[in-house]
C-alpha atoms as a PDB file:
ATOM      1  CA  MET A   1     -16.656 180.474-121.853  1.00  0.00           C
ATOM      2  CA  LYS A   2     -12.944 179.044-121.722  1.00  0.00           C
ATOM      3  CA  VAL A   3     -11.010 179.492-124.984  1.00  0.00           C
ATOM      4  CA  SER A   4      -7.281 178.929-125.688  1.00  0.00           C
ATOM      5  CA  LEU A   5      -4.688 180.722-127.480  1.00  0.00           C
ATOM      6  CA  VAL A   6      -2.083 177.786-128.240  1.00  0.00           C
ATOM      7  CA  ILE A   7       1.354 179.369-129.649  1.00  0.00           C
ATOM      8  CA  MET A   8       3.735 176.869-131.207  1.00  0.00           C
ATOM      9  CA  ALA A   9       7.212 178.264-130.036  1.00  0.00           C
ATOM     10  CA  ALA A  10       9.195 175.099-130.148  1.00  0.00           C
ATOM     11  CA  GLY A  11      10.707 175.898-133.781  1.00  0.00           C
ATOM     12  CA  LEU A  12      14.639 176.253-134.404  1.00  0.00           C
ATOM     13  CA  GLY A  13      14.470 179.136-136.523  1.00  0.00           C
ATOM     14  CA  SER A  14      17.195 178.121-138.546  1.00  0.00           C
ATOM     15  CA  ARG A  15      16.591 180.341-141.767  1.00  0.00           C
ATOM     16  CA  TYR A  16      16.524 183.215-139.429  1.00  0.00           C
ATOM     17  CA  GLY A  17      19.650 182.456-137.937  1.00  0.00           C
ATOM     18  CA  GLY A  18      18.696 181.934-134.232  1.00  0.00           C
ATOM     19  CA  SER A  19      15.771 182.200-131.993  1.00  0.00           C
ATOM     20  CA  LYS A  20      13.559 184.435-133.616  1.00  0.00           C
ATOM     21  CA  GLN A  21      10.574 183.510-131.152  1.00  0.00           C
ATOM     22  CA  VAL A  22      12.479 185.593-128.328  1.00  0.00           C
ATOM     23  CA  ASP A  23      14.088 188.371-130.439  1.00  0.00           C
ATOM     24  CA  GLY A  24      12.844 191.515-128.745  1.00  0.00           C
ATOM     25  CA  VAL A  25      11.857 193.594-131.608  1.00  0.00           C
ATOM     26  CA  GLY A  26       9.283 195.981-130.384  1.00  0.00           C
ATOM     27  CA  PRO A  27      10.265 199.630-129.137  1.00  0.00           C
ATOM     28  CA  HIS A  28      10.930 198.666-125.648  1.00  0.00           C
ATOM     29  CA  GLY A  29      12.191 194.917-126.417  1.00  0.00           C
ATOM     30  CA  GLU A  30       8.711 193.164-126.874  1.00  0.00           C
ATOM     31  CA  ILE A  31       8.990 189.941-128.542  1.00  0.00           C
ATOM     32  CA  LEU A  32       6.135 188.942-131.236  1.00  0.00           C
ATOM     33  CA  MET A  33       4.391 186.534-128.895  1.00  0.00           C
ATOM     34  CA  GLU A  34       3.653 189.395-126.313  1.00  0.00           C
ATOM     35  CA  TYR A  35       1.842 191.072-129.135  1.00  0.00           C
ATOM     36  CA  ALA A  36       0.071 187.772-130.005  1.00  0.00           C
ATOM     37  CA  ILE A  37      -1.040 187.313-126.234  1.00  0.00           C
ATOM     38  CA  HIS A  38      -1.936 190.996-125.699  1.00  0.00           C
ATOM     39  CA  ASP A  39      -4.337 190.985-128.487  1.00  0.00           C
ATOM     40  CA  ALA A  40      -5.667 187.644-127.642  1.00  0.00           C
ATOM     41  CA  LEU A  41      -6.592 188.727-124.020  1.00  0.00           C
ATOM     42  CA  ARG A  42      -8.253 191.740-125.220  1.00  0.00           C
ATOM     43  CA  ALA A  43     -10.476 189.589-127.762  1.00  0.00           C
ATOM     44  CA  GLY A  44     -11.606 187.342-125.040  1.00  0.00           C
ATOM     45  CA  PHE A  45      -9.295 184.657-124.977  1.00  0.00           C
ATOM     46  CA  ASN A  46      -8.607 183.522-121.502  1.00  0.00           C
ATOM     47  CA  LYS A  47      -6.054 180.712-121.587  1.00  0.00           C
ATOM     48  CA  VAL A  48      -2.615 180.522-123.134  1.00  0.00           C
ATOM     49  CA  VAL A  49      -0.746 177.243-123.849  1.00  0.00           C
ATOM     50  CA  PHE A  50       2.842 177.471-124.831  1.00  0.00           C
ATOM     51  CA  ILE A  51       4.323 174.703-126.829  1.00  0.00           C
ATOM     52  CA  ILE A  52       7.969 174.839-126.556  1.00  0.00           C
ATOM     53  CA  LYS A  53      11.062 172.769-126.175  1.00  0.00           C
ATOM     54  CA  PRO A  54      11.787 171.206-122.501  1.00  0.00           C
ATOM     55  CA  GLU A  55      14.541 173.508-121.993  1.00  0.00           C
ATOM     56  CA  MET A  56      12.894 176.510-123.051  1.00  0.00           C
ATOM     57  CA  GLN A  57      10.042 176.645-120.101  1.00  0.00           C
ATOM     58  CA  GLU A  58      12.376 178.951-117.657  1.00  0.00           C
ATOM     59  CA  MET A  59      12.944 181.453-120.559  1.00  0.00           C
ATOM     60  CA  VAL A  60       9.290 181.489-121.775  1.00  0.00           C
ATOM     61  CA  GLU A  61       8.272 181.823-117.905  1.00  0.00           C
ATOM     62  CA  GLU A  62      10.397 184.794-117.492  1.00  0.00           C
ATOM     63  CA  LEU A  63       9.384 186.318-120.880  1.00  0.00           C
ATOM     64  CA  CYS A  64       5.916 185.955-120.754  1.00  0.00           C
ATOM     65  CA  GLY A  65       4.364 183.069-118.453  1.00  0.00           C
ATOM     66  CA  ASN A  66       5.089 184.584-115.068  1.00  0.00           C
ATOM     67  CA  TYR A  67       3.708 187.750-116.150  1.00  0.00           C
ATOM     68  CA  LEU A  68       0.737 186.325-117.656  1.00  0.00           C
ATOM     69  CA  ALA A  69      -0.095 184.335-114.630  1.00  0.00           C
ATOM     70  CA  ARG A  70      -0.789 187.761-112.696  1.00  0.00           C
ATOM     71  CA  ARG A  71      -3.003 189.020-115.655  1.00  0.00           C
ATOM     72  CA  LYS A  72      -6.733 189.249-115.320  1.00  0.00           C
ATOM     73  CA  THR A  73      -9.263 189.105-118.228  1.00  0.00           C
ATOM     74  CA  PRO A  74     -11.427 192.224-118.962  1.00  0.00           C
ATOM     75  CA  GLU A  75     -14.026 190.269-116.916  1.00  0.00           C
ATOM     76  CA  GLY A  76     -11.872 190.150-114.112  1.00  0.00           C
ATOM     77  CA  GLU A  77     -10.964 186.243-114.346  1.00  0.00           C
ATOM     78  CA  ALA A  78      -7.178 185.039-113.798  1.00  0.00           C
ATOM     79  CA  VAL A  79      -5.531 184.001-117.031  1.00  0.00           C
ATOM     80  CA  GLU A  80      -4.861 180.181-117.188  1.00  0.00           C
ATOM     81  CA  VAL A  81      -1.279 179.408-118.491  1.00  0.00           C
ATOM     82  CA  ALA A  82      -0.143 176.043-119.294  1.00  0.00           C
ATOM     83  CA  TYR A  83       3.024 174.256-121.005  1.00  0.00           C
ATOM     84  CA  ALA A  84       3.406 171.319-123.361  1.00  0.00           C
ATOM     85  CA  TYR A  85       6.513 169.880-124.371  1.00  0.00           C
ATOM     86  CA  GLN A  86       7.573 169.032-127.881  1.00  0.00           C
ATOM     87  CA  ASP A  87       9.897 166.342-128.000  1.00  0.00           C
ATOM     88  CA  PHE A  88      10.543 162.797-129.329  1.00  0.00           C
ATOM     89  CA  SER A  89       9.164 161.396-126.235  1.00  0.00           C
ATOM     90  CA  SER A  90       5.519 161.888-127.203  1.00  0.00           C
ATOM     91  CA  LEU A  91       6.109 159.466-130.300  1.00  0.00           C
ATOM     92  CA  PRO A  92       4.277 156.323-130.415  1.00  0.00           C
ATOM     93  CA  GLU A  93       6.288 153.620-128.638  1.00  0.00           C
ATOM     94  CA  TRP A  94       5.807 151.287-131.823  1.00  0.00           C
ATOM     95  CA  TYR A  95       7.587 154.032-134.138  1.00  0.00           C
ATOM     96  CA  GLU A  96      11.513 153.596-134.753  1.00  0.00           C
ATOM     97  CA  MET A  97      13.103 157.069-135.259  1.00  0.00           C
ATOM     98  CA  PRO A  98      15.546 157.290-138.082  1.00  0.00           C
ATOM     99  CA  ALA A  99      19.079 157.285-136.646  1.00  0.00           C
ATOM    100  CA  GLY A 100      20.412 160.955-136.847  1.00  0.00           C
ATOM    101  CA  ARG A 101      17.052 162.725-136.838  1.00  0.00           C
ATOM    102  CA  THR A 102      17.246 165.923-134.756  1.00  0.00           C
ATOM    103  CA  LYS A 103      14.336 167.884-136.629  1.00  0.00           C
ATOM    104  CA  PRO A 104      11.079 168.223-134.803  1.00  0.00           C
ATOM    105  CA  TYR A 105       8.011 166.555-136.651  1.00  0.00           C
ATOM    106  CA  GLY A 106       6.076 169.572-137.542  1.00  0.00           C
ATOM    107  CA  THR A 107       3.186 171.529-136.545  1.00  0.00           C
ATOM    108  CA  VAL A 108       0.728 168.615-136.589  1.00  0.00           C
ATOM    109  CA  HIS A 109       3.173 166.854-133.844  1.00  0.00           C
ATOM    110  CA  ALA A 110       3.556 170.222-131.982  1.00  0.00           C
ATOM    111  CA  LEU A 111      -0.485 170.550-131.730  1.00  0.00           C
ATOM    112  CA  LEU A 112      -0.644 166.781-130.602  1.00  0.00           C
ATOM    113  CA  CYS A 113       2.131 167.300-127.753  1.00  0.00           C
ATOM    114  CA  ALA A 114      -0.768 170.087-126.320  1.00  0.00           C
ATOM    115  CA  LYS A 115      -3.646 167.540-126.482  1.00  0.00           C
ATOM    116  CA  GLU A 116      -3.784 167.244-122.620  1.00  0.00           C
ATOM    117  CA  ALA A 117      -3.580 170.713-121.958  1.00  0.00           C
ATOM    118  CA  VAL A 118      -6.350 171.920-124.231  1.00  0.00           C
ATOM    119  CA  ARG A 119      -9.786 170.627-123.674  1.00  0.00           C
ATOM    120  CA  GLU A 120     -11.720 173.678-125.061  1.00  0.00           C
ATOM    121  CA  PRO A 121     -12.064 175.478-128.551  1.00  0.00           C
ATOM    122  CA  PHE A 122      -8.704 177.050-129.242  1.00  0.00           C
ATOM    123  CA  CYS A 123      -6.673 179.031-131.988  1.00  0.00           C
ATOM    124  CA  VAL A 124      -3.162 177.847-132.907  1.00  0.00           C
ATOM    125  CA  ILE A 125      -0.814 180.150-134.230  1.00  0.00           C
ATOM    126  CA  ASN A 126       3.024 180.499-134.805  1.00  0.00           C
ATOM    127  CA  ALA A 127       5.156 182.374-132.178  1.00  0.00           C
ATOM    128  CA  ASP A 128       7.201 184.477-134.698  1.00  0.00           C
ATOM    129  CA  ASP A 129       4.319 186.117-136.636  1.00  0.00           C
ATOM    130  CA  TYR A 130       2.066 189.160-136.305  1.00  0.00           C
ATOM    131  CA  TYR A 131      -1.531 188.294-137.144  1.00  0.00           C
ATOM    132  CA  GLY A 132      -3.144 191.574-135.910  1.00  0.00           C
ATOM    133  CA  ILE A 133      -5.595 192.874-133.558  1.00  0.00           C
ATOM    134  CA  ASP A 134      -8.804 192.247-135.687  1.00  0.00           C
ATOM    135  CA  ALA A 135      -7.717 188.675-136.328  1.00  0.00           C
ATOM    136  CA  TYR A 136      -8.089 187.760-132.821  1.00  0.00           C
ATOM    137  CA  ARG A 137     -11.500 189.300-132.393  1.00  0.00           C
ATOM    138  CA  THR A 138     -12.695 187.715-135.540  1.00  0.00           C
ATOM    139  CA  ILE A 139     -11.421 184.064-134.790  1.00  0.00           C
ATOM    140  CA  TYR A 140     -12.451 184.555-131.253  1.00  0.00           C
ATOM    141  CA  GLU A 141     -16.276 185.267-132.265  1.00  0.00           C
ATOM    142  CA  GLU A 142     -16.087 182.146-134.879  1.00  0.00           C
ATOM    143  CA  LEU A 143     -14.861 179.673-132.196  1.00  0.00           C
ATOM    144  CA  CYS A 144     -17.529 180.617-129.726  1.00  0.00           C
ATOM    145  CA  ARG A 145     -20.216 179.782-132.681  1.00  0.00           C
ATOM    146  CA  LEU A 146     -18.465 176.535-133.950  1.00  0.00           C
ATOM    147  CA  PRO A 147     -20.264 173.249-133.039  1.00  0.00           C
ATOM    148  CA  GLN A 148     -18.509 170.859-131.249  1.00  0.00           C
ATOM    149  CA  ALA A 149     -17.521 168.185-133.999  1.00  0.00           C
ATOM    150  CA  GLY A 150     -16.410 168.382-137.713  1.00  0.00           C
ATOM    151  CA  ARG A 151     -15.871 172.265-137.864  1.00  0.00           C
ATOM    152  CA  GLY A 152     -12.645 174.455-137.963  1.00  0.00           C
ATOM    153  CA  THR A 153     -11.964 177.810-138.774  1.00  0.00           C
ATOM    154  CA  MET A 154      -8.898 179.979-140.250  1.00  0.00           C
ATOM    155  CA  VAL A 155      -8.060 183.497-141.011  1.00  0.00           C
ATOM    156  CA  GLY A 156      -6.470 184.116-144.319  1.00  0.00           C
ATOM    157  CA  TYR A 157      -4.236 186.656-145.643  1.00  0.00           C
ATOM    158  CA  LEU A 158      -2.946 187.455-149.253  1.00  0.00           C
ATOM    159  CA  LEU A 159      -0.035 186.150-150.622  1.00  0.00           C
ATOM    160  CA  LYS A 160       1.346 189.412-151.415  1.00  0.00           C
ATOM    161  CA  ASN A 161       1.464 190.650-147.984  1.00  0.00           C
ATOM    162  CA  THR A 162       3.276 187.390-146.611  1.00  0.00           C
ATOM    163  CA  ALA A 163       6.497 186.879-148.713  1.00  0.00           C
ATOM    164  CA  SER A 164      10.021 187.976-148.121  1.00  0.00           C
ATOM    165  CA  LEU A 165      12.122 190.063-150.491  1.00  0.00           C
ATOM    166  CA  TYR A 166      15.068 188.591-148.609  1.00  0.00           C
ATOM    167  CA  GLY A 167      14.471 184.478-149.631  1.00  0.00           C
ATOM    168  CA  THR A 168      11.844 182.065-150.778  1.00  0.00           C
ATOM    169  CA  VAL A 169       9.121 181.143-147.918  1.00  0.00           C
ATOM    170  CA  SER A 170       6.641 178.222-147.682  1.00  0.00           C
ATOM    171  CA  ARG A 171       2.879 178.710-147.750  1.00  0.00           C
ATOM    172  CA  GLY A 172      -0.378 177.255-147.918  1.00  0.00           C
ATOM    173  CA  LEU A 173      -2.144 178.238-151.191  1.00  0.00           C
ATOM    174  CA  CYS A 174      -6.006 178.376-150.406  1.00  0.00           C
ATOM    175  CA  THR A 175      -8.865 177.790-152.587  1.00  0.00           C
ATOM    176  CA  VAL A 176     -11.881 179.057-151.126  1.00  0.00           C
ATOM    177  CA  GLU A 177     -15.596 178.643-152.246  1.00  0.00           C
ATOM    178  CA  GLU A 178     -18.585 180.291-150.367  1.00  0.00           C
ATOM    179  CA  GLY A 179     -16.659 181.282-147.574  1.00  0.00           C
ATOM    180  CA  ARG A 180     -15.335 177.572-146.983  1.00  0.00           C
ATOM    181  CA  LEU A 181     -11.659 176.194-147.568  1.00  0.00           C
ATOM    182  CA  ALA A 182     -11.743 173.773-150.780  1.00  0.00           C
ATOM    183  CA  SER A 183      -8.141 173.046-150.691  1.00  0.00           C
ATOM    184  CA  VAL A 184      -4.700 173.880-149.296  1.00  0.00           C
ATOM    185  CA  ALA A 185      -1.565 173.354-151.535  1.00  0.00           C
ATOM    186  CA  GLU A 186       1.420 173.540-149.147  1.00  0.00           C
ATOM    187  CA  THR A 187       3.858 175.478-151.474  1.00  0.00           C
ATOM    188  CA  LYS A 188       7.477 175.787-150.879  1.00  0.00           C
ATOM    189  CA  GLU A 189      10.150 178.267-152.356  1.00  0.00           C
ATOM    190  CA  ILE A 190       7.886 181.189-153.076  1.00  0.00           C
ATOM    191  CA  ARG A 191       9.804 184.196-154.032  1.00  0.00           C
ATOM    192  CA  LEU A 192       8.932 187.835-153.962  1.00  0.00           C
ATOM    193  CA  PHE A 193      10.366 189.973-156.499  1.00  0.00           C
ATOM    194  CA  ALA A 194      11.182 193.772-156.393  1.00  0.00           C
ATOM    195  CA  ASP A 195       8.402 194.387-158.742  1.00  0.00           C
ATOM    196  CA  GLY A 196       5.809 192.458-156.656  1.00  0.00           C
ATOM    197  CA  SER A 197       5.559 189.600-158.813  1.00  0.00           C
ATOM    198  CA  LEU A 198       5.612 186.102-157.221  1.00  0.00           C
ATOM    199  CA  LYS A 199       6.618 182.934-158.589  1.00  0.00           C
ATOM    200  CA  ASP A 200       6.509 179.181-157.187  1.00  0.00           C
ATOM    201  CA  MET A 201      10.433 178.628-157.867  1.00  0.00           C
ATOM    202  CA  ARG A 202      10.212 174.980-157.906  1.00  0.00           C
ATOM    203  CA  ARG A 203       7.740 174.591-160.915  1.00  0.00           C
ATOM    204  CA  ASP A 204       8.925 177.982-162.307  1.00  0.00           C
ATOM    205  CA  VAL A 205       5.164 179.244-162.258  1.00  0.00           C
ATOM    206  CA  SER A 206       3.830 182.667-161.647  1.00  0.00           C
ATOM    207  CA  LEU A 207       1.427 182.989-158.943  1.00  0.00           C
ATOM    208  CA  ASP A 208      -1.649 185.472-158.253  1.00  0.00           C
ATOM    209  CA  PRO A 209      -0.579 187.763-155.390  1.00  0.00           C
ATOM    210  CA  GLU A 210      -4.113 187.754-154.522  1.00  0.00           C
ATOM    211  CA  THR A 211      -4.322 184.452-153.589  1.00  0.00           C
ATOM    212  CA  PRO A 212      -5.394 183.657-150.058  1.00  0.00           C
ATOM    213  CA  VAL A 213      -2.841 181.569-147.818  1.00  0.00           C
ATOM    214  CA  SER A 214      -2.686 180.007-144.537  1.00  0.00           C
ATOM    215  CA  MET A 215      -0.274 181.191-142.044  1.00  0.00           C
ATOM    216  CA  ASN A 216      -1.099 178.692-139.590  1.00  0.00           C
ATOM    217  CA  TYR A 217      -3.849 180.383-137.780  1.00  0.00           C
ATOM    218  CA  TRP A 218      -6.259 178.071-137.306  1.00  0.00           C
ATOM    219  CA  GLY A 219      -9.236 177.579-135.140  1.00  0.00           C
ATOM    220  CA  PHE A 220     -10.372 173.842-133.852  1.00  0.00           C
ATOM    221  CA  MET A 221     -12.377 172.267-131.340  1.00  0.00           C
ATOM    222  CA  PRO A 222     -10.717 169.874-129.040  1.00  0.00           C
ATOM    223  CA  SER A 223     -12.879 167.180-131.090  1.00  0.00           C
ATOM    224  CA  ILE A 224     -10.145 167.476-133.742  1.00  0.00           C
ATOM    225  CA  PHE A 225      -7.484 165.540-131.658  1.00  0.00           C
ATOM    226  CA  PRO A 226      -8.414 161.946-132.591  1.00  0.00           C
ATOM    227  CA  ALA A 227      -8.390 162.673-136.099  1.00  0.00           C
ATOM    228  CA  MET A 228      -5.203 164.529-136.072  1.00  0.00           C
ATOM    229  CA  GLU A 229      -3.645 161.637-134.182  1.00  0.00           C
ATOM    230  CA  ALA A 230      -4.694 159.155-136.785  1.00  0.00           C
ATOM    231  CA  TYR A 231      -3.144 161.359-139.584  1.00  0.00           C
ATOM    232  CA  PHE A 232      -0.015 161.733-137.568  1.00  0.00           C
ATOM    233  CA  GLU A 233       0.443 158.057-137.207  1.00  0.00           C
ATOM    234  CA  GLU A 234      -0.284 157.552-141.047  1.00  0.00           C
ATOM    235  CA  PHE A 235       2.399 160.032-141.600  1.00  0.00           C
ATOM    236  CA  LEU A 236       4.865 157.939-139.477  1.00  0.00           C
ATOM    237  CA  ARG A 237       3.936 154.793-141.268  1.00  0.00           C
ATOM    238  CA  SER A 238       4.586 156.233-144.516  1.00  0.00           C
ATOM    239  CA  GLY A 239       7.905 156.677-146.507  1.00  0.00           C
ATOM    240  CA  GLU A 240       7.858 160.415-145.113  1.00  0.00           C
ATOM    241  CA  GLY A 241       7.984 159.179-141.550  1.00  0.00           C
ATOM    242  CA  LYS A 242      11.274 157.392-142.560  1.00  0.00           C
ATOM    243  CA  GLU A 243      13.027 160.556-143.851  1.00  0.00           C
ATOM    244  CA  LEU A 244      15.621 162.701-141.557  1.00  0.00           C
ATOM    245  CA  LYS A 245      13.918 166.319-142.212  1.00  0.00           C
ATOM    246  CA  SER A 246      10.293 165.636-143.446  1.00  0.00           C
ATOM    247  CA  GLU A 247       7.633 167.481-141.330  1.00  0.00           C
ATOM    248  CA  CYS A 248       3.844 166.780-140.810  1.00  0.00           C
ATOM    249  CA  LEU A 249       2.281 169.864-141.186  1.00  0.00           C
ATOM    250  CA  LEU A 250      -1.148 171.443-140.384  1.00  0.00           C
ATOM    251  CA  PRO A 251      -2.339 173.107-143.576  1.00  0.00           C
ATOM    252  CA  VAL A 252      -1.466 169.448-145.432  1.00  0.00           C
ATOM    253  CA  MET A 253      -3.690 167.535-142.534  1.00  0.00           C
ATOM    254  CA  VAL A 254      -6.468 170.172-142.778  1.00  0.00           C
ATOM    255  CA  ASP A 255      -6.585 169.617-146.762  1.00  0.00           C
ATOM    256  CA  GLU A 256      -6.484 165.939-146.359  1.00  0.00           C
ATOM    257  CA  LEU A 257      -9.206 165.820-143.676  1.00  0.00           C
ATOM    258  CA  THR A 258     -11.451 168.380-145.981  1.00  0.00           C
ATOM    259  CA  ARG A 259     -11.116 166.471-149.047  1.00  0.00           C
ATOM    260  CA  ARG A 260     -12.179 163.217-147.080  1.00  0.00           C
ATOM    261  CA  GLY A 261     -15.367 165.378-145.824  1.00  0.00           C
ATOM    262  CA  GLU A 262     -14.208 164.640-142.463  1.00  0.00           C
ATOM    263  CA  LEU A 263     -13.617 168.399-141.670  1.00  0.00           C
ATOM    264  CA  GLU A 264     -15.442 171.816-142.807  1.00  0.00           C
ATOM    265  CA  VAL A 265     -13.341 175.107-142.268  1.00  0.00           C
ATOM    266  CA  SER A 266     -14.668 178.344-142.354  1.00  0.00           C
ATOM    267  CA  VAL A 267     -12.378 181.205-143.905  1.00  0.00           C
ATOM    268  CA  LEU A 268     -12.435 184.424-142.163  1.00  0.00           C
ATOM    269  CA  HIS A 269     -10.700 187.645-143.310  1.00  0.00           C
ATOM    270  CA  SER A 270      -9.015 190.403-141.134  1.00  0.00           C
ATOM    271  CA  ALA A 271      -8.612 194.109-141.915  1.00  0.00           C
ATOM    272  CA  ASP A 272      -5.080 193.746-140.164  1.00  0.00           C
ATOM    273  CA  LYS A 273      -1.935 193.203-141.951  1.00  0.00           C
ATOM    274  CA  TRP A 274       0.267 189.809-141.191  1.00  0.00           C
ATOM    275  CA  PHE A 275       3.797 190.321-141.029  1.00  0.00           C
ATOM    276  CA  GLY A 276       6.583 187.898-139.551  1.00  0.00           C
ATOM    277  CA  MET A 277      10.377 187.304-139.537  1.00  0.00           C
ATOM    278  CA  THR A 278      11.307 184.428-141.678  1.00  0.00           C
ATOM    279  CA  TYR A 279      14.993 186.113-142.463  1.00  0.00           C
ATOM    280  CA  ARG A 280      17.027 188.327-140.340  1.00  0.00           C
ATOM    281  CA  GLU A 281      16.565 190.743-142.903  1.00  0.00           C
ATOM    282  CA  ASP A 282      12.985 190.965-141.968  1.00  0.00           C
ATOM    283  CA  ARG A 283      13.618 192.329-138.885  1.00  0.00           C
ATOM    284  CA  GLU A 284      14.011 196.012-139.483  1.00  0.00           C
ATOM    285  CA  ALA A 285      10.528 196.283-141.094  1.00  0.00           C
ATOM    286  CA  VAL A 286       8.925 194.276-138.499  1.00  0.00           C
ATOM    287  CA  ALA A 287      10.341 196.416-135.967  1.00  0.00           C
ATOM    288  CA  GLY A 288       9.374 199.836-137.760  1.00  0.00           C
ATOM    289  CA  GLU A 289       5.750 198.298-138.366  1.00  0.00           C
ATOM    290  CA  LEU A 290       5.543 197.814-134.681  1.00  0.00           C
ATOM    291  CA  GLN A 291       6.601 201.352-133.731  1.00  0.00           C
ATOM    292  CA  LYS A 292       3.773 202.904-136.026  1.00  0.00           C
ATOM    293  CA  LEU A 293       1.159 200.654-134.057  1.00  0.00           C
ATOM    294  CA  HIS A 294       2.380 202.040-130.960  1.00  0.00           C
ATOM    295  CA  ALA A 295       2.450 205.443-132.294  1.00  0.00           C
ATOM    296  CA  TRP A 296      -1.189 205.412-133.437  1.00  0.00           C
ATOM    297  CA  GLY A 297      -2.060 204.216-129.942  1.00  0.00           C
ATOM    298  CA  LEU A 298      -3.406 200.849-130.906  1.00  0.00           C
ATOM    299  CA  TYR A 299      -0.944 199.467-128.187  1.00  0.00           C
ATOM    300  CA  PRO A 300       0.184 201.218-124.924  1.00  0.00           C
ATOM    301  CA  GLU A 301       3.508 202.436-124.752  1.00  0.00           C
ATOM    302  CA  THR A 302       4.979 199.411-123.339  1.00  0.00           C
ATOM    303  CA  LEU A 303       3.326 195.857-123.160  1.00  0.00           C
ATOM    304  CA  ARG A 304       5.074 195.048-120.064  1.00  0.00           C
ATOM    305  CA  GLU A 305       3.036 196.825-117.495  1.00  0.00           C
END
C-alpha cells in the first residue's frame, strides 16, 4: 500500500532568523527533516513529497532527495520522491494578489500545491518539527484503516511540551470528545513562563498546560482536496485574502470542516515528545535532545548511511 509523507518546507523561518529547515542540528549535522524521513520509512511510509520554494530544489535534493531516491523500504521497494512548489503561480486566475504581498499563503495553500503529487493516504508535517518515532507508527496504522472520504486524523501533543521560553508561539488548541476532534482554536501569542504556566497574551487568559494541541501533524485521504480547494477560494474571496500577511491555515480549515460536519478527525496520542525550533535560542535544547536519542540507540550513529 502506498502511503505518503508530505513535508511542508517552504516557510521563511522569520522568527528563527534564518532557514531553520536546513540547520544541521543533529550530532553529524542532520537536519530535522532527516529524522522525520527516517522515522516515517521505518514506520511503513514509502513515498516522500517535499513542498518547497522553486529555488530550494537543488538544495533539498542534495540534503535528502538524492539519498532518498536510492533508499529501499523494509520490504525492499524503492522509495518514491516527488517535489511540489509553493509559489504564487498556483493561485486561481481570477484572484488579484494585493500589491506588495510577498508572504506565502499558509499551510492550506502549501498542501494544495502538492495535490497533483499526492494520490494516496498521506501524513503532512512541518519540516522544522520533531514528532517522535512512535507518532509515525501510530498515524501510519490509522491511515491504513481510514475510509476514502470524510475522515482524517491527527496526533495531538500537550501544550506544555510545545511552547518556548524564548518567545510566543501559535498553537491550535483542541477540544477532544470521545477520541474525536470537536474543535480547534488557532491561538497566537502563547507564552510559556519559567514556572511552567502558560498564557494567551492577546486575551490575557491563563491556559491549561495539559490542553491537547495540533502541531500540523495531520493525516488525510486525497479526497480532502476538493473541500480544501473550496475552503481556500473562500479565504481568497474574503477580506483576509486581500491582506498582505494573512495565512490560510490547516487547523482553522479542519475546525471549519469539522463544525460543518464535512470531516471527522480521530485524535491519536504518541508516547514521544515533540520538539522544534521556533527561535534560534531553542537550537541548543533540540541538539541536546537529539544527542540523547542517538546515545540511547533509538537512532544509528548517523542518519547519513
